[in-house]
Every structure is written in structure tokens, then in C-alpha cells.
Amino acid sequence: MRRTIALSPLVLTAQLQAQEDNAVREDKKLTLEWAAGLAGRYRQLHDPVVATYAIAQLGELICAYDPEAGAGLIRESLVRVRDLTPSSFTSAKRRLPIPSFASMWNYLTS
């Protein structure tokens, strides 16, 4: 009888831990789905500098949840940097989140 009472908290703890693990997996899945949707919206931005910077920041945030998915977004930003020209930074109608190509490159490669 005493063994049963002593083991009961262990069994309950194991069940609670399994439920928490399922909740964490579900949260991770929802976070990645949200990020994929948000990245799709960022790809449609008109200003290529803003789009590249936004995707890179999203990749940085996602790395905490899924390093592989976050690295994919950062890799995509590095590919987008190739399409940027100096005029992309000077012809903007609004203030850019990053002032120059060199700043963008340093941000992405750090």
C-alpha cells in the first residue's frame, strides 16, 4: 500500500509532463505556421530592402523555436541581398529600417 502511495505522484508527474510536452509541440507547430504565413506576407512587400530586412528579423526570432526554419529564412534574406542595388537604398520614399548595403550585409552575416 505504501509503495502505491509513494509511486502515485511519480505516475501523475509523468502524465503531466507528457501533457506539457504535447502542449509545447503544439505551440511550436503553431509558431512555425504563423512564421511561414508572415514570411509570405513579407515577401510581398514593395520595397525590397524592407522585405529583406523583415525576413531576416523573422528568421532571427524563429531560430529560438526551430533553428533549421530560422536558418532557412536568414538564408533567403542572404539570397535577396544579391538583388539589392545602391539605388535600392537611395531611392526609397520612406525611411528604411537599415541605412546601407554594408549595414544590411553586416546584420545578415553576424
Protein backbone atom coordinates (compact mmCIF):
# COMPACT_ATOMS: atom_id res chain seq x y z
CA MET A 1 0.00 0.00 0.00
CA ARG A 2 2.78 2.42 0.90
CA ARG A 3 4.58 1.72 -2.36
CA THR A 4 1.42 2.53 -4.30
CA ILE A 5 1.03 5.80 -2.44
CA ALA A 6 4.72 6.61 -2.93
CA LEU A 7 4.60 5.86 -6.68
CA SER A 8 1.34 7.72 -7.33
CA PRO A 9 2.98 11.18 -7.51
CA LEU A 10 5.58 9.82 -9.93
CA VAL A 11 2.89 8.46 -12.25
CA LEU A 12 0.93 11.71 -12.09
CA THR A 13 4.09 13.73 -12.72
CA ALA A 14 4.91 11.61 -15.77
CA GLN A 15 1.41 12.12 -17.16
CA LEU A 16 1.57 15.87 -16.58
CA GLN A 17 5.00 16.03 -18.22
CA ALA A 18 3.62 14.20 -21.28
CA GLN A 19 0.75 16.69 -21.50
CA GLU A 20 3.18 19.61 -21.21
CA ASP A 21 5.37 18.12 -23.95
CA ASN A 22 2.34 17.83 -26.23
CA ALA A 23 1.42 21.45 -25.48
CA VAL A 24 4.97 22.60 -26.27
CA ARG A 25 4.96 20.66 -29.56
CA GLU A 26 1.59 22.20 -30.47
CA ASP A 27 2.86 25.70 -29.62
CA LYS A 28 5.96 25.13 -31.73
CA LYS A 29 3.85 23.93 -34.64
CA LEU A 30 1.57 26.97 -34.42
CA THR A 31 4.55 29.30 -34.15
CA LEU A 32 6.14 27.86 -37.27
CA GLU A 33 2.86 28.05 -39.19
CA TRP A 34 2.47 31.66 -38.13
CA ALA A 35 6.04 32.42 -39.21
CA ALA A 36 5.53 30.80 -42.59
CA GLY A 37 2.43 32.92 -43.16
CA LEU A 38 4.15 36.07 -42.01
CA ALA A 39 7.18 35.38 -44.20
CA GLY A 40 4.82 35.04 -47.16
CA ARG A 41 3.40 38.48 -46.39
CA TYR A 42 6.89 39.95 -46.02
CA ARG A 43 7.88 38.58 -49.45
CA GLN A 44 5.09 40.66 -50.99
CA LEU A 45 6.33 43.99 -49.62
CA HIS A 46 7.04 46.53 -52.35
CA ASP A 47 10.34 47.82 -51.01
CA PRO A 48 13.00 45.08 -51.42
CA VAL A 49 15.15 46.48 -48.59
CA VAL A 50 12.27 46.37 -46.12
CA ALA A 51 11.25 42.88 -47.28
CA THR A 52 14.79 41.52 -46.94
CA TYR A 53 15.25 43.06 -43.50
CA ALA A 54 11.85 41.84 -42.26
CA ILE A 55 12.50 38.26 -43.38
CA ALA A 56 15.92 38.33 -41.69
CA GLN A 57 14.43 39.54 -38.41
CA LEU A 58 11.72 36.90 -38.58
CA GLY A 59 14.40 34.27 -39.16
CA GLU A 60 16.28 35.51 -36.12
CA LEU A 61 13.14 35.20 -33.97
CA ILE A 62 12.25 31.75 -35.30
CA CYS A 63 15.73 30.37 -34.59
CA ALA A 64 14.76 30.15 -30.90
CA TYR A 65 11.94 27.71 -31.74
CA ASP A 66 13.34 25.91 -34.77
CA PRO A 67 16.95 26.62 -35.79
CA GLU A 68 16.51 24.92 -39.16
CA ALA A 69 13.49 27.02 -40.17
CA GLY A 70 15.11 30.20 -38.87
CA ALA A 71 18.29 29.49 -40.81
CA GLY A 72 16.18 28.96 -43.93
CA LEU A 73 14.65 32.43 -43.57
CA ILE A 74 18.04 34.02 -42.98
CA ARG A 75 19.41 32.15 -46.00
CA GLU A 76 16.52 33.52 -48.05
CA SER A 77 17.44 37.04 -46.90
CA LEU A 78 21.03 36.49 -48.00
CA VAL A 79 19.78 35.45 -51.45
CA ARG A 80 17.57 38.56 -51.61
CA VAL A 81 20.54 40.80 -50.77
CA ARG A 82 22.06 39.87 -54.13
CA ASP A 83 19.17 41.64 -55.88
CA LEU A 84 19.65 44.89 -53.97
CA THR A 85 21.42 47.75 -55.69
CA PRO A 86 22.76 51.00 -54.26
CA SER A 87 19.71 52.75 -55.68
CA SER A 88 17.52 50.48 -53.54
CA PHE A 89 18.82 52.40 -50.53
CA THR A 90 18.79 55.92 -52.01
CA SER A 91 15.51 55.94 -53.92
CA ALA A 92 13.28 54.95 -51.02
CA LYS A 93 10.30 57.21 -50.38
CA ARG A 94 10.23 56.36 -46.68
CA ARG A 95 12.87 55.87 -44.04
CA LEU A 96 14.42 52.41 -44.31
CA PRO A 97 14.99 50.12 -41.33
CA ILE A 98 18.66 49.86 -42.28
CA PRO A 99 20.61 52.70 -43.94
CA SER A 100 23.02 50.98 -46.35
CA PHE A 101 24.00 47.79 -48.12
CA ALA A 102 27.03 47.38 -45.84
CA SER A 103 24.82 47.64 -42.75
CA MET A 104 22.43 45.09 -44.21
CA TRP A 105 25.26 42.71 -45.03
CA ASN A 106 26.78 43.04 -41.56
CA TYR A 107 23.39 42.44 -39.96
CA LEU A 108 22.75 39.30 -42.00
CA THR A 109 26.17 37.75 -41.60
CA SER A 110 26.54 38.30 -37.87
